[in-house]
Amino acid sequence: MNPFARLNAKLDRLIAIATEGNAIMTTALQALADLQAAVTQAKTVQESGLTLVVGLSNQLRALAAQATPDQGVDPAAIEALASTLVTQSGAFGAALVANTTPPPAAAVPPAAAVPGASTVAGS
């Protein structure tokens, strides 16, 4: 028996284990990237919704500052509505995130095979 055959078999097994580890790491990294994208999407959706709510609230406050009861408008009621919008903005942002379809997950590319590696059973 060739004295290097056993060593070659062990090296092939180590290469196979490293390749499997690479595939697992690639899958884990893709899962992490997908999670980061989902968090970014949720953050972007929530921030956009909150910007809208705060902008509406600011416009209502500007309207309340110019309105007078003799115009048939109650400035205090408009101010209360603006305050309610801001108070409820957290729930609104959460609802936006919950009801927004996330982007499709990217396909996980197969791990690159190591040239010359073979899976050898045993040690």
PDB file of N, CA and C in Angstrom:
ATOM      1  N   MET A   1       0.845  -1.188   0.000  1.00  0.00           N
ATOM      2  CA  MET A   1       0.000   0.000   0.000  1.00  0.00           C
ATOM      3  C   MET A   1       0.887   1.247   0.000  1.00  0.00           C
ATOM      4  N   ASN A   2       0.519   2.181  -0.767  1.00  0.00           N
ATOM      5  CA  ASN A   2       1.233   3.440  -0.861  1.00  0.00           C
ATOM      6  C   ASN A   2       1.195   4.128   0.512  1.00  0.00           C
ATOM      7  N   PRO A   3       2.343   4.538   1.059  1.00  0.00           N
ATOM      8  CA  PRO A   3       2.347   5.157   2.391  1.00  0.00           C
ATOM      9  C   PRO A   3       1.599   6.491   2.414  1.00  0.00           C
ATOM     10  N   PHE A   4       1.450   7.104   1.266  1.00  0.00           N
ATOM     11  CA  PHE A   4       0.761   8.388   1.222  1.00  0.00           C
ATOM     12  C   PHE A   4      -0.739   8.251   0.987  1.00  0.00           C
ATOM     13  N   ALA A   5      -1.216   7.071   0.678  1.00  0.00           N
ATOM     14  CA  ALA A   5      -2.643   6.863   0.392  1.00  0.00           C
ATOM     15  C   ALA A   5      -3.500   7.219   1.595  1.00  0.00           C
ATOM     16  N   ARG A   6      -3.068   6.763   2.773  1.00  0.00           N
ATOM     17  CA  ARG A   6      -3.851   7.075   3.982  1.00  0.00           C
ATOM     18  C   ARG A   6      -3.826   8.582   4.278  1.00  0.00           C
ATOM     19  N   LEU A   7      -2.668   9.182   4.106  1.00  0.00           N
ATOM     20  CA  LEU A   7      -2.551  10.633   4.307  1.00  0.00           C
ATOM     21  C   LEU A   7      -3.426  11.381   3.302  1.00  0.00           C
ATOM     22  N   ASN A   8      -3.416  10.944   2.032  1.00  0.00           N
ATOM     23  CA  ASN A   8      -4.258  11.567   1.007  1.00  0.00           C
ATOM     24  C   ASN A   8      -5.740  11.422   1.351  1.00  0.00           C
ATOM     25  N   ALA A   9      -6.114  10.260   1.854  1.00  0.00           N
ATOM     26  CA  ALA A   9      -7.508  10.034   2.226  1.00  0.00           C
ATOM     27  C   ALA A   9      -7.912  10.970   3.365  1.00  0.00           C
ATOM     28  N   LYS A  10      -7.024  11.129   4.326  1.00  0.00           N
ATOM     29  CA  LYS A  10      -7.329  12.032   5.445  1.00  0.00           C
ATOM     30  C   LYS A  10      -7.397  13.485   4.968  1.00  0.00           C
ATOM     31  N   LEU A  11      -6.500  13.851   4.082  1.00  0.00           N
ATOM     32  CA  LEU A  11      -6.534  15.215   3.534  1.00  0.00           C
ATOM     33  C   LEU A  11      -7.812  15.445   2.735  1.00  0.00           C
ATOM     34  N   ASP A  12      -8.223  14.445   1.955  1.00  0.00           N
ATOM     35  CA  ASP A  12      -9.476  14.564   1.201  1.00  0.00           C
ATOM     36  C   ASP A  12     -10.654  14.753   2.158  1.00  0.00           C
ATOM     37  N   ARG A  13     -10.631  14.009   3.252  1.00  0.00           N
ATOM     38  CA  ARG A  13     -11.715  14.133   4.243  1.00  0.00           C
ATOM     39  C   ARG A  13     -11.712  15.520   4.875  1.00  0.00           C
ATOM     40  N   LEU A  14     -10.529  16.038   5.212  1.00  0.00           N
ATOM     41  CA  LEU A  14     -10.441  17.390   5.780  1.00  0.00           C
ATOM     42  C   LEU A  14     -10.943  18.436   4.788  1.00  0.00           C
ATOM     43  N   ILE A  15     -10.601  18.269   3.524  1.00  0.00           N
ATOM     44  CA  ILE A  15     -11.077  19.192   2.489  1.00  0.00           C
ATOM     45  C   ILE A  15     -12.600  19.114   2.376  1.00  0.00           C
ATOM     46  N   ALA A  16     -13.143  17.902   2.442  1.00  0.00           N
ATOM     47  CA  ALA A  16     -14.600  17.730   2.375  1.00  0.00           C
ATOM     48  C   ALA A  16     -15.274  18.397   3.572  1.00  0.00           C
ATOM     49  N   ILE A  17     -14.702  18.229   4.746  1.00  0.00           N
ATOM     50  CA  ILE A  17     -15.262  18.862   5.958  1.00  0.00           C
ATOM     51  C   ILE A  17     -15.194  20.380   5.820  1.00  0.00           C
ATOM     52  N   ALA A  18     -14.078  20.895   5.326  1.00  0.00           N
ATOM     53  CA  ALA A  18     -13.941  22.345   5.132  1.00  0.00           C
ATOM     54  C   ALA A  18     -14.957  22.857   4.125  1.00  0.00           C
ATOM     55  N   THR A  19     -15.191  22.080   3.065  1.00  0.00           N
ATOM     56  CA  THR A  19     -16.176  22.466   2.050  1.00  0.00           C
ATOM     57  C   THR A  19     -17.576  22.498   2.644  1.00  0.00           C
ATOM     58  N   GLU A  20     -17.915  21.486   3.439  1.00  0.00           N
ATOM     59  CA  GLU A  20     -19.216  21.460   4.116  1.00  0.00           C
ATOM     60  C   GLU A  20     -19.349  22.659   5.053  1.00  0.00           C
ATOM     61  N   GLY A  21     -18.261  22.954   5.780  1.00  0.00           N
ATOM     62  CA  GLY A  21     -18.266  24.122   6.669  1.00  0.00           C
ATOM     63  C   GLY A  21     -18.476  25.410   5.891  1.00  0.00           C
ATOM     64  N   ASN A  22     -17.870  25.478   4.704  1.00  0.00           N
ATOM     65  CA  ASN A  22     -18.041  26.652   3.849  1.00  0.00           C
ATOM     66  C   ASN A  22     -19.498  26.800   3.423  1.00  0.00           C
ATOM     67  N   ALA A  23     -20.135  25.677   3.081  1.00  0.00           N
ATOM     68  CA  ALA A  23     -21.542  25.722   2.679  1.00  0.00           C
ATOM     69  C   ALA A  23     -22.417  26.180   3.841  1.00  0.00           C
ATOM     70  N   ILE A  24     -22.136  25.669   5.030  1.00  0.00           N
ATOM     71  CA  ILE A  24     -22.902  26.084   6.214  1.00  0.00           C
ATOM     72  C   ILE A  24     -22.689  27.570   6.482  1.00  0.00           C
ATOM     73  N   MET A  25     -21.452  28.031   6.391  1.00  0.00           N
ATOM     74  CA  MET A  25     -21.147  29.444   6.622  1.00  0.00           C
ATOM     75  C   MET A  25     -21.827  30.323   5.576  1.00  0.00           C
ATOM     76  N   THR A  26     -21.819  29.874   4.322  1.00  0.00           N
ATOM     77  CA  THR A  26     -22.483  30.631   3.257  1.00  0.00           C
ATOM     78  C   THR A  26     -23.982  30.758   3.543  1.00  0.00           C
ATOM     79  N   THR A  27     -24.601  29.663   3.971  1.00  0.00           N
ATOM     80  CA  THR A  27     -26.022  29.680   4.300  1.00  0.00           C
ATOM     81  C   THR A  27     -26.290  30.613   5.481  1.00  0.00           C
ATOM     82  N   ALA A  28     -25.435  30.539   6.499  1.00  0.00           N
ATOM     83  CA  ALA A  28     -25.607  31.397   7.680  1.00  0.00           C
ATOM     84  C   ALA A  28     -25.429  32.869   7.309  1.00  0.00           C
ATOM     85  N   LEU A  29     -24.444  33.161   6.480  1.00  0.00           N
ATOM     86  CA  LEU A  29     -24.226  34.553   6.066  1.00  0.00           C
ATOM     87  C   LEU A  29     -25.395  35.076   5.240  1.00  0.00           C
ATOM     88  N   GLN A  30     -25.964  34.211   4.391  1.00  0.00           N
ATOM     89  CA  GLN A  30     -27.118  34.623   3.597  1.00  0.00           C
ATOM     90  C   GLN A  30     -28.315  34.884   4.504  1.00  0.00           C
ATOM     91  N   ALA A  31     -28.503  34.024   5.508  1.00  0.00           N
ATOM     92  CA  ALA A  31     -29.600  34.224   6.456  1.00  0.00           C
ATOM     93  C   ALA A  31     -29.414  35.541   7.205  1.00  0.00           C
ATOM     94  N   LEU A  32     -28.176  35.857   7.579  1.00  0.00           N
ATOM     95  CA  LEU A  32     -27.895  37.119   8.249  1.00  0.00           C
ATOM     96  C   LEU A  32     -28.188  38.300   7.320  1.00  0.00           C
ATOM     97  N   ALA A  33     -27.779  38.193   6.066  1.00  0.00           N
ATOM     98  CA  ALA A  33     -28.044  39.266   5.094  1.00  0.00           C
ATOM     99  C   ALA A  33     -29.549  39.452   4.890  1.00  0.00           C
ATOM    100  N   ASP A  34     -30.295  38.342   4.820  1.00  0.00           N
ATOM    101  CA  ASP A  34     -31.753  38.425   4.682  1.00  0.00           C
ATOM    102  C   ASP A  34     -32.374  39.111   5.891  1.00  0.00           C
ATOM    103  N   LEU A  35     -31.868  38.776   7.082  1.00  0.00           N
ATOM    104  CA  LEU A  35     -32.372  39.395   8.306  1.00  0.00           C
ATOM    105  C   LEU A  35     -32.072  40.890   8.315  1.00  0.00           C
ATOM    106  N   GLN A  36     -30.859  41.254   7.923  1.00  0.00           N
ATOM    107  CA  GLN A  36     -30.500  42.673   7.857  1.00  0.00           C
ATOM    108  C   GLN A  36     -31.394  43.414   6.870  1.00  0.00           C
ATOM    109  N   ALA A  37     -31.682  42.808   5.730  1.00  0.00           N
ATOM    110  CA  ALA A  37     -32.561  43.440   4.737  1.00  0.00           C
ATOM    111  C   ALA A  37     -33.972  43.609   5.302  1.00  0.00           C
ATOM    112  N   ALA A  38     -34.451  42.598   6.016  1.00  0.00           N
ATOM    113  CA  ALA A  38     -35.792  42.691   6.611  1.00  0.00           C
ATOM    114  C   ALA A  38     -35.850  43.792   7.661  1.00  0.00           C
ATOM    115  N   VAL A  39     -34.802  43.908   8.466  1.00  0.00           N
ATOM    116  CA  VAL A  39     -34.759  44.963   9.484  1.00  0.00           C
ATOM    117  C   VAL A  39     -34.702  46.329   8.814  1.00  0.00           C
ATOM    118  N   THR A  40     -33.892  46.451   7.775  1.00  0.00           N
ATOM    119  CA  THR A  40     -33.804  47.727   7.049  1.00  0.00           C
ATOM    120  C   THR A  40     -35.149  48.080   6.428  1.00  0.00           C
ATOM    121  N   GLN A  41     -35.808  47.082   5.816  1.00  0.00           N
ATOM    122  CA  GLN A  41     -37.124  47.303   5.205  1.00  0.00           C
ATOM    123  C   GLN A  41     -38.122  47.772   6.258  1.00  0.00           C
ATOM    124  N   ALA A  42     -38.132  47.090   7.402  1.00  0.00           N
ATOM    125  CA  ALA A  42     -39.066  47.452   8.469  1.00  0.00           C
ATOM    126  C   ALA A  42     -38.766  48.856   8.978  1.00  0.00           C
ATOM    127  N   LYS A  43     -37.497  49.147   9.157  1.00  0.00           N
ATOM    128  CA  LYS A  43     -37.097  50.466   9.641  1.00  0.00           C
ATOM    129  C   LYS A  43     -37.494  51.549   8.634  1.00  0.00           C
ATOM    130  N   THR A  44     -37.262  51.280   7.349  1.00  0.00           N
ATOM    131  CA  THR A  44     -37.598  52.249   6.305  1.00  0.00           C
ATOM    132  C   THR A  44     -39.110  52.482   6.247  1.00  0.00           C
ATOM    133  N   VAL A  45     -39.882  51.402   6.296  1.00  0.00           N
ATOM    134  CA  VAL A  45     -41.342  51.529   6.248  1.00  0.00           C
ATOM    135  C   VAL A  45     -41.834  52.299   7.465  1.00  0.00           C
ATOM    136  N   GLN A  46     -41.324  51.927   8.634  1.00  0.00           N
ATOM    137  CA  GLN A  46     -41.772  52.583   9.864  1.00  0.00           C
ATOM    138  C   GLN A  46     -41.374  54.055   9.858  1.00  0.00           C
ATOM    139  N   GLU A  47     -40.151  54.352   9.462  1.00  0.00           N
ATOM    140  CA  GLU A  47     -39.711  55.751   9.426  1.00  0.00           C
ATOM    141  C   GLU A  47     -40.537  56.565   8.430  1.00  0.00           C
ATOM    142  N   SER A  48     -40.858  55.980   7.295  1.00  0.00           N
ATOM    143  CA  SER A  48     -41.673  56.684   6.308  1.00  0.00           C
ATOM    144  C   SER A  48     -43.061  56.980   6.874  1.00  0.00           C
ATOM    145  N   GLY A  49     -43.639  55.978   7.524  1.00  0.00           N
ATOM    146  CA  GLY A  49     -44.959  56.172   8.142  1.00  0.00           C
ATOM    147  C   GLY A  49     -44.923  57.228   9.235  1.00  0.00           C
ATOM    148  N   LEU A  50     -43.886  57.182  10.057  1.00  0.00           N
ATOM    149  CA  LEU A  50     -43.777  58.166  11.137  1.00  0.00           C
ATOM    150  C   LEU A  50     -43.554  59.571  10.580  1.00  0.00           C
ATOM    151  N   THR A  51     -42.786  59.678   9.514  1.00  0.00           N
ATOM    152  CA  THR A  51     -42.584  60.977   8.876  1.00  0.00           C
ATOM    153  C   THR A  51     -43.914  61.540   8.382  1.00  0.00           C
ATOM    154  N   LEU A  52     -44.724  60.674   7.786  1.00  0.00           N
ATOM    155  CA  LEU A  52     -46.046  61.085   7.323  1.00  0.00           C
ATOM    156  C   LEU A  52     -46.900  61.571   8.487  1.00  0.00           C
ATOM    157  N   VAL A  53     -46.948  60.805   9.556  1.00  0.00           N
ATOM    158  CA  VAL A  53     -47.784  61.165  10.710  1.00  0.00           C
ATOM    159  C   VAL A  53     -47.308  62.466  11.346  1.00  0.00           C
ATOM    160  N   VAL A  54     -46.011  62.600  11.523  1.00  0.00           N
ATOM    161  CA  VAL A  54     -45.479  63.831  12.124  1.00  0.00           C
ATOM    162  C   VAL A  54     -45.735  65.025  11.206  1.00  0.00           C
ATOM    163  N   GLY A  55     -45.589  64.817   9.896  1.00  0.00           N
ATOM    164  CA  GLY A  55     -45.875  65.904   8.949  1.00  0.00           C
ATOM    165  C   GLY A  55     -47.333  66.333   9.002  1.00  0.00           C
ATOM    166  N   LEU A  56     -48.246  65.363   9.062  1.00  0.00           N
ATOM    167  CA  LEU A  56     -49.674  65.699   9.182  1.00  0.00           C
ATOM    168  C   LEU A  56     -49.952  66.430  10.490  1.00  0.00           C
ATOM    169  N   SER A  57     -49.331  65.957  11.550  1.00  0.00           N
ATOM    170  CA  SER A  57     -49.510  66.598  12.852  1.00  0.00           C
ATOM    171  C   SER A  57     -49.025  68.050  12.822  1.00  0.00           C
ATOM    172  N   ASN A  58     -47.883  68.271  12.204  1.00  0.00           N
ATOM    173  CA  ASN A  58     -47.346  69.642  12.097  1.00  0.00           C
ATOM    174  C   ASN A  58     -48.261  70.535  11.266  1.00  0.00           C
ATOM    175  N   GLN A  59     -48.810  69.965  10.184  1.00  0.00           N
ATOM    176  CA  GLN A  59     -49.739  70.755   9.367  1.00  0.00           C
ATOM    177  C   GLN A  59     -51.006  71.088  10.152  1.00  0.00           C
ATOM    178  N   LEU A  60     -51.497  70.125  10.923  1.00  0.00           N
ATOM    179  CA  LEU A  60     -52.681  70.394  11.754  1.00  0.00           C
ATOM    180  C   LEU A  60     -52.390  71.472  12.793  1.00  0.00           C
ATOM    181  N   ARG A  61     -51.214  71.427  13.391  1.00  0.00           N
ATOM    182  CA  ARG A  61     -50.846  72.447  14.391  1.00  0.00           C
ATOM    183  C   ARG A  61     -50.745  73.838  13.746  1.00  0.00           C
ATOM    184  N   ALA A  62     -50.211  73.877  12.527  1.00  0.00           N
ATOM    185  CA  ALA A  62     -50.136  75.164  11.813  1.00  0.00           C
ATOM    186  C   ALA A  62     -51.537  75.671  11.513  1.00  0.00           C
ATOM    187  N   LEU A  63     -52.439  74.773  11.128  1.00  0.00           N
ATOM    188  CA  LEU A  63     -53.830  75.151  10.880  1.00  0.00           C
ATOM    189  C   LEU A  63     -54.491  75.641  12.162  1.00  0.00           C
ATOM    190  N   ALA A  64     -54.244  74.940  13.271  1.00  0.00           N
ATOM    191  CA  ALA A  64     -54.823  75.332  14.564  1.00  0.00           C
ATOM    192  C   ALA A  64     -54.342  76.710  14.982  1.00  0.00           C
ATOM    193  N   ALA A  65     -53.083  77.034  14.667  1.00  0.00           N
ATOM    194  CA  ALA A  65     -52.529  78.340  15.046  1.00  0.00           C
ATOM    195  C   ALA A  65     -53.193  79.478  14.271  1.00  0.00           C
ATOM    196  N   GLN A  66     -53.689  79.179  13.072  1.00  0.00           N
ATOM    197  CA  GLN A  66     -54.316  80.213  12.240  1.00  0.00           C
ATOM    198  C   GLN A  66     -55.831  80.247  12.379  1.00  0.00           C
ATOM    199  N   ALA A  67     -56.411  79.170  12.886  1.00  0.00           N
ATOM    200  CA  ALA A  67     -57.876  79.070  12.961  1.00  0.00           C
ATOM    201  C   ALA A  67     -58.427  79.847  14.152  1.00  0.00           C
ATOM    202  N   THR A  68     -59.654  80.292  13.978  1.00  0.00           N
ATOM    203  CA  THR A  68     -60.360  80.982  15.070  1.00  0.00           C
ATOM    204  C   THR A  68     -61.763  80.392  15.173  1.00  0.00           C
ATOM    205  N   PRO A  69     -62.336  80.415  16.374  1.00  0.00           N
ATOM    206  CA  PRO A  69     -63.678  79.867  16.554  1.00  0.00           C
ATOM    207  C   PRO A  69     -64.719  80.544  15.664  1.00  0.00           C
ATOM    208  N   ASP A  70     -64.545  81.836  15.345  1.00  0.00           N
ATOM    209  CA  ASP A  70     -65.535  82.512  14.502  1.00  0.00           C
ATOM    210  C   ASP A  70     -65.511  82.015  13.060  1.00  0.00           C
ATOM    211  N   GLN A  71     -64.484  81.240  12.692  1.00  0.00           N
ATOM    212  CA  GLN A  71     -64.426  80.615  11.370  1.00  0.00           C
ATOM    213  C   GLN A  71     -65.135  79.257  11.373  1.00  0.00           C
ATOM    214  N   GLY A  72     -65.678  78.913  12.513  1.00  0.00           N
ATOM    215  CA  GLY A  72     -66.348  77.617  12.635  1.00  0.00           C
ATOM    216  C   GLY A  72     -65.369  76.481  12.875  1.00  0.00           C
ATOM    217  N   VAL A  73     -64.156  76.831  13.286  1.00  0.00           N
ATOM    218  CA  VAL A  73     -63.112  75.839  13.534  1.00  0.00           C
ATOM    219  C   VAL A  73     -62.683  75.954  14.984  1.00  0.00           C
ATOM    220  N   ASP A  74     -62.541  74.831  15.647  1.00  0.00           N
ATOM    221  CA  ASP A  74     -62.106  74.822  17.040  1.00  0.00           C
ATOM    222  C   ASP A  74     -60.611  74.516  17.075  1.00  0.00           C
ATOM    223  N   PRO A  75     -59.762  75.527  17.313  1.00  0.00           N
ATOM    224  CA  PRO A  75     -58.319  75.301  17.327  1.00  0.00           C
ATOM    225  C   PRO A  75     -57.895  74.248  18.358  1.00  0.00           C
ATOM    226  N   ALA A  76     -58.576  74.204  19.484  1.00  0.00           N
ATOM    227  CA  ALA A  76     -58.229  73.219  20.514  1.00  0.00           C
ATOM    228  C   ALA A  76     -58.507  71.793  20.023  1.00  0.00           C
ATOM    229  N   ALA A  77     -59.575  71.613  19.278  1.00  0.00           N
ATOM    230  CA  ALA A  77     -59.897  70.288  18.745  1.00  0.00           C
ATOM    231  C   ALA A  77     -58.856  69.861  17.707  1.00  0.00           C
ATOM    232  N   ILE A  78     -58.400  70.803  16.894  1.00  0.00           N
ATOM    233  CA  ILE A  78     -57.378  70.484  15.887  1.00  0.00           C
ATOM    234  C   ILE A  78     -56.062  70.139  16.583  1.00  0.00           C
ATOM    235  N   GLU A  79     -55.727  70.901  17.620  1.00  0.00           N
ATOM    236  CA  GLU A  79     -54.502  70.626  18.377  1.00  0.00           C
ATOM    237  C   GLU A  79     -54.581  69.254  19.046  1.00  0.00           C
ATOM    238  N   ALA A  80     -55.755  68.920  19.569  1.00  0.00           N
ATOM    239  CA  ALA A  80     -55.946  67.608  20.204  1.00  0.00           C
ATOM    240  C   ALA A  80     -55.769  66.485  19.172  1.00  0.00           C
ATOM    241  N   LEU A  81     -56.288  66.706  17.979  1.00  0.00           N
ATOM    242  CA  LEU A  81     -56.121  65.705  16.916  1.00  0.00           C
ATOM    243  C   LEU A  81     -54.645  65.540  16.559  1.00  0.00           C
ATOM    244  N   ALA A  82     -53.920  66.641  16.458  1.00  0.00           N
ATOM    245  CA  ALA A  82     -52.487  66.589  16.157  1.00  0.00           C
ATOM    246  C   ALA A  82     -51.742  65.828  17.252  1.00  0.00           C
ATOM    247  N   SER A  83     -52.092  66.082  18.494  1.00  0.00           N
ATOM    248  CA  SER A  83     -51.448  65.377  19.614  1.00  0.00           C
ATOM    249  C   SER A  83     -51.769  63.892  19.598  1.00  0.00           C
ATOM    250  N   THR A  84     -53.000  63.551  19.261  1.00  0.00           N
ATOM    251  CA  THR A  84     -53.399  62.141  19.183  1.00  0.00           C
ATOM    252  C   THR A  84     -52.620  61.426  18.085  1.00  0.00           C
ATOM    253  N   LEU A  85     -52.431  62.101  16.954  1.00  0.00           N
ATOM    254  CA  LEU A  85     -51.643  61.501  15.870  1.00  0.00           C
ATOM    255  C   LEU A  85     -50.232  61.158  16.342  1.00  0.00           C
ATOM    256  N   VAL A  86     -49.596  62.088  17.034  1.00  0.00           N
ATOM    257  CA  VAL A  86     -48.237  61.855  17.511  1.00  0.00           C
ATOM    258  C   VAL A  86     -48.227  60.751  18.566  1.00  0.00           C
ATOM    259  N   THR A  87     -49.209  60.776  19.465  1.00  0.00           N
ATOM    260  CA  THR A  87     -49.280  59.756  20.511  1.00  0.00           C
ATOM    261  C   THR A  87     -49.461  58.370  19.922  1.00  0.00           C
ATOM    262  N   GLN A  88     -50.257  58.245  18.868  1.00  0.00           N
ATOM    263  CA  GLN A  88     -50.541  56.948  18.251  1.00  0.00           C
ATOM    264  C   GLN A  88     -49.544  56.564  17.158  1.00  0.00           C
ATOM    265  N   SER A  89     -48.549  57.388  16.916  1.00  0.00           N
ATOM    266  CA  SER A  89     -47.628  57.125  15.809  1.00  0.00           C
ATOM    267  C   SER A  89     -46.843  55.831  15.991  1.00  0.00           C
ATOM    268  N   GLY A  90     -46.508  55.461  17.223  1.00  0.00           N
ATOM    269  CA  GLY A  90     -45.787  54.208  17.447  1.00  0.00           C
ATOM    270  C   GLY A  90     -46.609  53.017  17.000  1.00  0.00           C
ATOM    271  N   ALA A  91     -47.887  53.003  17.374  1.00  0.00           N
ATOM    272  CA  ALA A  91     -48.771  51.914  16.971  1.00  0.00           C
ATOM    273  C   ALA A  91     -48.962  51.918  15.457  1.00  0.00           C
ATOM    274  N   PHE A  92     -49.044  53.094  14.870  1.00  0.00           N
ATOM    275  CA  PHE A  92     -49.190  53.214  13.427  1.00  0.00           C
ATOM    276  C   PHE A  92     -47.964  52.644  12.711  1.00  0.00           C
ATOM    277  N   GLY A  93     -46.777  53.002  13.208  1.00  0.00           N
ATOM    278  CA  GLY A  93     -45.541  52.488  12.609  1.00  0.00           C
ATOM    279  C   GLY A  93     -45.454  50.978  12.714  1.00  0.00           C
ATOM    280  N   ALA A  94     -45.839  50.442  13.870  1.00  0.00           N
ATOM    281  CA  ALA A  94     -45.819  48.980  14.050  1.00  0.00           C
ATOM    282  C   ALA A  94     -46.805  48.301  13.106  1.00  0.00           C
ATOM    283  N   ALA A  95     -47.970  48.907  12.926  1.00  0.00           N
ATOM    284  CA  ALA A  95     -48.972  48.341  12.016  1.00  0.00           C
ATOM    285  C   ALA A  95     -48.472  48.386  10.574  1.00  0.00           C
ATOM    286  N   LEU A  96     -47.788  49.448  10.203  1.00  0.00           N
ATOM    287  CA  LEU A  96     -47.222  49.527   8.850  1.00  0.00           C
ATOM    288  C   LEU A  96     -46.239  48.394   8.610  1.00  0.00           C
ATOM    289  N   VAL A  97     -45.352  48.187   9.580  1.00  0.00           N
ATOM    290  CA  VAL A  97     -44.352  47.130   9.440  1.00  0.00           C
ATOM    291  C   VAL A  97     -45.037  45.766   9.365  1.00  0.00           C
ATOM    292  N   ALA A  98     -46.024  45.542  10.229  1.00  0.00           N
ATOM    293  CA  ALA A  98     -46.705  44.247  10.280  1.00  0.00           C
ATOM    294  C   ALA A  98     -47.460  43.952   8.986  1.00  0.00           C
ATOM    295  N   ASN A  99     -47.913  44.971   8.301  1.00  0.00           N
ATOM    296  CA  ASN A  99     -48.729  44.768   7.111  1.00  0.00           C
ATOM    297  C   ASN A  99     -47.990  45.054   5.809  1.00  0.00           C
ATOM    298  N   THR A 100     -46.670  45.153   5.874  1.00  0.00           N
ATOM    299  CA  THR A 100     -45.867  45.379   4.684  1.00  0.00           C
ATOM    300  C   THR A 100     -45.231  44.062   4.275  1.00  0.00           C
ATOM    301  N   THR A 101     -45.400  43.694   3.037  1.00  0.00           N
ATOM    302  CA  THR A 101     -44.810  42.462   2.528  1.00  0.00           C
ATOM    303  C   THR A 101     -43.315  42.665   2.381  1.00  0.00           C
ATOM    304  N   PRO A 102     -42.506  41.777   2.996  1.00  0.00           N
ATOM    305  CA  PRO A 102     -41.061  41.928   2.865  1.00  0.00           C
ATOM    306  C   PRO A 102     -40.611  41.597   1.457  1.00  0.00           C
ATOM    307  N   PRO A 103     -39.440  42.101   1.067  1.00  0.00           N
ATOM    308  CA  PRO A 103     -38.929  41.769  -0.265  1.00  0.00           C
ATOM    309  C   PRO A 103     -38.602  40.279  -0.320  1.00  0.00           C
ATOM    310  N   PRO A 104     -38.643  39.678  -1.521  1.00  0.00           N
ATOM    311  CA  PRO A 104     -38.332  38.249  -1.612  1.00  0.00           C
ATOM    312  C   PRO A 104     -36.888  37.982  -1.201  1.00  0.00           C
ATOM    313  N   ALA A 105     -36.670  36.859  -0.552  1.00  0.00           N
ATOM    314  CA  ALA A 105     -35.322  36.485  -0.123  1.00  0.00           C
ATOM    315  C   ALA A 105     -34.481  36.116  -1.335  1.00  0.00           C
ATOM    316  N   ALA A 106     -33.223  36.467  -1.266  1.00  0.00           N
ATOM    317  CA  ALA A 106     -32.308  36.137  -2.356  1.00  0.00           C
ATOM    318  C   ALA A 106     -31.981  34.652  -2.296  1.00  0.00           C
ATOM    319  N   ALA A 107     -31.743  34.078  -3.435  1.00  0.00           N
ATOM    320  CA  ALA A 107     -31.385  32.663  -3.499  1.00  0.00           C
ATOM    321  C   ALA A 107     -29.981  32.482  -2.939  1.00  0.00           C
ATOM    322  N   VAL A 108     -29.776  31.408  -2.199  1.00  0.00           N
ATOM    323  CA  VAL A 108     -28.465  31.121  -1.631  1.00  0.00           C
ATOM    324  C   VAL A 108     -27.644  30.388  -2.687  1.00  0.00           C
ATOM    325  N   PRO A 109     -26.494  30.974  -3.058  1.00  0.00           N
ATOM    326  CA  PRO A 109     -25.674  30.303  -4.077  1.00  0.00           C
ATOM    327  C   PRO A 109     -25.025  29.056  -3.477  1.00  0.00           C
ATOM    328  N   PRO A 110     -24.812  28.014  -4.284  1.00  0.00           N
ATOM    329  CA  PRO A 110     -24.168  26.808  -3.764  1.00  0.00           C
ATOM    330  C   PRO A 110     -22.723  27.111  -3.389  1.00  0.00           C
ATOM    331  N   ALA A 111     -22.230  26.398  -2.387  1.00  0.00           N
ATOM    332  CA  ALA A 111     -20.842  26.587  -1.964  1.00  0.00           C
ATOM    333  C   ALA A 111     -19.918  26.156  -3.092  1.00  0.00           C
ATOM    334  N   ALA A 112     -18.848  26.878  -3.238  1.00  0.00           N
ATOM    335  CA  ALA A 112     -17.894  26.546  -4.288  1.00  0.00           C
ATOM    336  C   ALA A 112     -17.163  25.262  -3.895  1.00  0.00           C
ATOM    337  N   ALA A 113     -17.068  24.346  -4.822  1.00  0.00           N
ATOM    338  CA  ALA A 113     -16.374  23.091  -4.574  1.00  0.00           C
ATOM    339  C   ALA A 113     -14.879  23.331  -4.624  1.00  0.00           C
ATOM    340  N   VAL A 114     -14.159  22.663  -3.762  1.00  0.00           N
ATOM    341  CA  VAL A 114     -12.712  22.762  -3.757  1.00  0.00           C
ATOM    342  C   VAL A 114     -12.166  21.804  -4.813  1.00  0.00           C
ATOM    343  N   PRO A 115     -11.364  22.296  -5.754  1.00  0.00           N
ATOM    344  CA  PRO A 115     -10.842  21.424  -6.798  1.00  0.00           C
ATOM    345  C   PRO A 115     -10.051  20.265  -6.185  1.00  0.00           C
ATOM    346  N   GLY A 116     -10.298  19.062  -6.667  1.00  0.00           N
ATOM    347  CA  GLY A 116      -9.560  17.906  -6.211  1.00  0.00           C
ATOM    348  C   GLY A 116     -10.096  17.284  -4.936  1.00  0.00           C
ATOM    349  N   ALA A 117     -11.104  17.896  -4.310  1.00  0.00           N
ATOM    350  CA  ALA A 117     -11.657  17.362  -3.068  1.00  0.00           C
ATOM    351  C   ALA A 117     -12.610  16.236  -3.386  1.00  0.00           C
ATOM    352  N   SER A 118     -12.565  15.222  -2.574  1.00  0.00           N
ATOM    353  CA  SER A 118     -13.532  14.139  -2.716  1.00  0.00           C
ATOM    354  C   SER A 118     -13.990  13.749  -1.327  1.00  0.00           C
ATOM    355  N   THR A 119     -15.207  13.254  -1.229  1.00  0.00           N
ATOM    356  CA  THR A 119     -15.725  12.813   0.049  1.00  0.00           C
ATOM    357  C   THR A 119     -15.282  11.382   0.246  1.00  0.00           C
ATOM    358  N   VAL A 120     -14.511  11.170   1.295  1.00  0.00           N
ATOM    359  CA  VAL A 120     -14.002   9.843   1.586  1.00  0.00           C
ATOM    360  C   VAL A 120     -14.659   9.354   2.857  1.00  0.00           C
ATOM    361  N   ALA A 121     -15.280   8.200   2.826  1.00  0.00           N
ATOM    362  CA  ALA A 121     -15.931   7.649   4.011  1.00  0.00           C
ATOM    363  C   ALA A 121     -14.863   7.157   4.966  1.00  0.00           C
ATOM    364  N   GLY A 122     -15.142   7.289   6.258  1.00  0.00           N
ATOM    365  CA  GLY A 122     -14.187   6.833   7.266  1.00  0.00           C
ATOM    366  C   GLY A 122     -13.197   7.898   7.595  1.00  0.00           C
ATOM    367  N   SER A 123     -12.046   7.471   8.209  1.00  0.00           N
ATOM    368  CA  SER A 123     -11.065   8.479   8.622  1.00  0.00           C
ATOM    369  C   SER A 123      -9.917   8.622   7.730  1.00  0.00           C
TER     370      SER A 123
END
